Every structure is written in C-alpha cells, then in structure tokens.
Amino acid sequence: MKDREFARYLAEKVGVAAVPDSSFYSSGGKNRLRFTFSKKDETLLEACRRLEDADLPAKK
C-alpha cells in the first residue's frame, strides 16, 4: 500500500491522521508517513492505543 493510500486508510478506519511523506518530495518517500507530536499527551496516548488495536493491512 502506497503512503497516500495508507494515510487515508488510517484516517478513515483507525481515526489517526498522518501526512504521506511523498507530499514533501517530487520523487521517493512513498513508503513513509509523518505524524505530528504537537498534541496533548492524552491525544498522543489515544492515537497510540488506536494504532496498537488497529487491524492494519499486512506489509507486502
């Protein structure tokens, strides 16, 4: 799954937003995401919980 597709999946199915790394490069970066950490601790802990509990697609 490419970064944009995975970022959309996380937002829609898991409720955690990320920025596709390819947004920052004209080529490359299609296998990474960026997260912001300028949130309250409670928000970050909830995001971690959601990611841990998520049924994420298997890495190919």
C-alpha atoms as a PDB file:
ATOM      1  CA  MET A   1       0.000   0.000   0.000  1.00  0.00           C
ATOM      2  CA  LYS A   2       1.461   3.369  -1.004  1.00  0.00           C
ATOM      3  CA  ASP A   3       1.817   6.141   1.571  1.00  0.00           C
ATOM      4  CA  ARG A   4      -1.186   8.171   0.395  1.00  0.00           C
ATOM      5  CA  GLU A   5      -3.460   5.140   0.391  1.00  0.00           C
ATOM      6  CA  PHE A   6      -2.226   4.066   3.835  1.00  0.00           C
ATOM      7  CA  ALA A   7      -2.652   7.576   5.270  1.00  0.00           C
ATOM      8  CA  ARG A   8      -6.239   7.617   4.001  1.00  0.00           C
ATOM      9  CA  TYR A   9      -6.833   4.152   5.490  1.00  0.00           C
ATOM     10  CA  LEU A  10      -5.509   5.247   8.904  1.00  0.00           C
ATOM     11  CA  ALA A  11      -7.687   8.353   8.936  1.00  0.00           C
ATOM     12  CA  GLU A  12     -10.869   6.586   7.822  1.00  0.00           C
ATOM     13  CA  LYS A  13     -10.578   3.243   9.620  1.00  0.00           C
ATOM     14  CA  VAL A  14      -8.361   3.942  12.636  1.00  0.00           C
ATOM     15  CA  GLY A  15      -9.045   7.611  13.330  1.00  0.00           C
ATOM     16  CA  VAL A  16      -5.374   8.632  13.293  1.00  0.00           C
ATOM     17  CA  ALA A  17      -4.169  11.233  10.806  1.00  0.00           C
ATOM     18  CA  ALA A  18      -0.764  11.146   9.133  1.00  0.00           C
ATOM     19  CA  VAL A  19       0.828  13.016   6.245  1.00  0.00           C
ATOM     20  CA  PRO A  20       2.126  10.962   3.312  1.00  0.00           C
ATOM     21  CA  ASP A  21       5.877  11.511   3.034  1.00  0.00           C
ATOM     22  CA  SER A  22       5.573  11.768  -0.747  1.00  0.00           C
ATOM     23  CA  SER A  23       3.853  15.123  -0.148  1.00  0.00           C
ATOM     24  CA  PHE A  24       7.301  16.533   0.637  1.00  0.00           C
ATOM     25  CA  TYR A  25       9.251  15.080  -2.322  1.00  0.00           C
ATOM     26  CA  SER A  26       8.915  15.168  -6.098  1.00  0.00           C
ATOM     27  CA  SER A  27      10.117  11.548  -6.167  1.00  0.00           C
ATOM     28  CA  GLY A  28      10.569   8.996  -3.410  1.00  0.00           C
ATOM     29  CA  GLY A  29       9.155   8.894   0.092  1.00  0.00           C
ATOM     30  CA  LYS A  30       6.268   6.671  -0.979  1.00  0.00           C
ATOM     31  CA  ASN A  31       6.749   4.188   1.865  1.00  0.00           C
ATOM     32  CA  ARG A  32       6.699   6.510   4.874  1.00  0.00           C
ATOM     33  CA  LEU A  33       4.244   8.634   6.830  1.00  0.00           C
ATOM     34  CA  ARG A  34       4.744  11.654   9.070  1.00  0.00           C
ATOM     35  CA  PHE A  35       2.933  12.252  12.333  1.00  0.00           C
ATOM     36  CA  THR A  36       2.819  15.426  14.423  1.00  0.00           C
ATOM     37  CA  PHE A  37       3.637  15.293  18.096  1.00  0.00           C
ATOM     38  CA  SER A  38       2.448  18.795  18.959  1.00  0.00           C
ATOM     39  CA  LYS A  39      -0.601  17.410  20.705  1.00  0.00           C
ATOM     40  CA  LYS A  40      -1.665  16.902  24.297  1.00  0.00           C
ATOM     41  CA  ASP A  41      -0.297  13.765  25.946  1.00  0.00           C
ATOM     42  CA  GLU A  42      -3.832  12.345  26.176  1.00  0.00           C
ATOM     43  CA  THR A  43      -4.288  12.742  22.414  1.00  0.00           C
ATOM     44  CA  LEU A  44      -0.982  11.030  21.671  1.00  0.00           C
ATOM     45  CA  LEU A  45      -1.766   8.162  24.041  1.00  0.00           C
ATOM     46  CA  GLU A  46      -5.153   7.672  22.390  1.00  0.00           C
ATOM     47  CA  ALA A  47      -3.505   7.633  18.947  1.00  0.00           C
ATOM     48  CA  CYS A  48      -1.039   5.009  20.166  1.00  0.00           C
ATOM     49  CA  ARG A  49      -3.869   2.901  21.569  1.00  0.00           C
ATOM     50  CA  ARG A  50      -5.776   3.105  18.289  1.00  0.00           C
ATOM     51  CA  LEU A  51      -2.707   2.121  16.270  1.00  0.00           C
ATOM     52  CA  GLU A  52      -1.981  -0.811  18.592  1.00  0.00           C
ATOM     53  CA  ASP A  53      -5.576  -2.044  18.355  1.00  0.00           C
ATOM     54  CA  ALA A  54      -5.927  -1.450  14.613  1.00  0.00           C
ATOM     55  CA  ASP A  55      -6.307  -4.277  12.143  1.00  0.00           C
ATOM     56  CA  LEU A  56      -3.606  -2.896   9.833  1.00  0.00           C
ATOM     57  CA  PRO A  57      -3.024  -4.307   6.360  1.00  0.00           C
ATOM     58  CA  ALA A  58      -0.079  -6.706   6.215  1.00  0.00           C
ATOM     59  CA  LYS A  59       3.180  -5.398   4.834  1.00  0.00           C
ATOM     60  CA  LYS A  60       3.848  -6.853   1.405  1.00  0.00           C
END
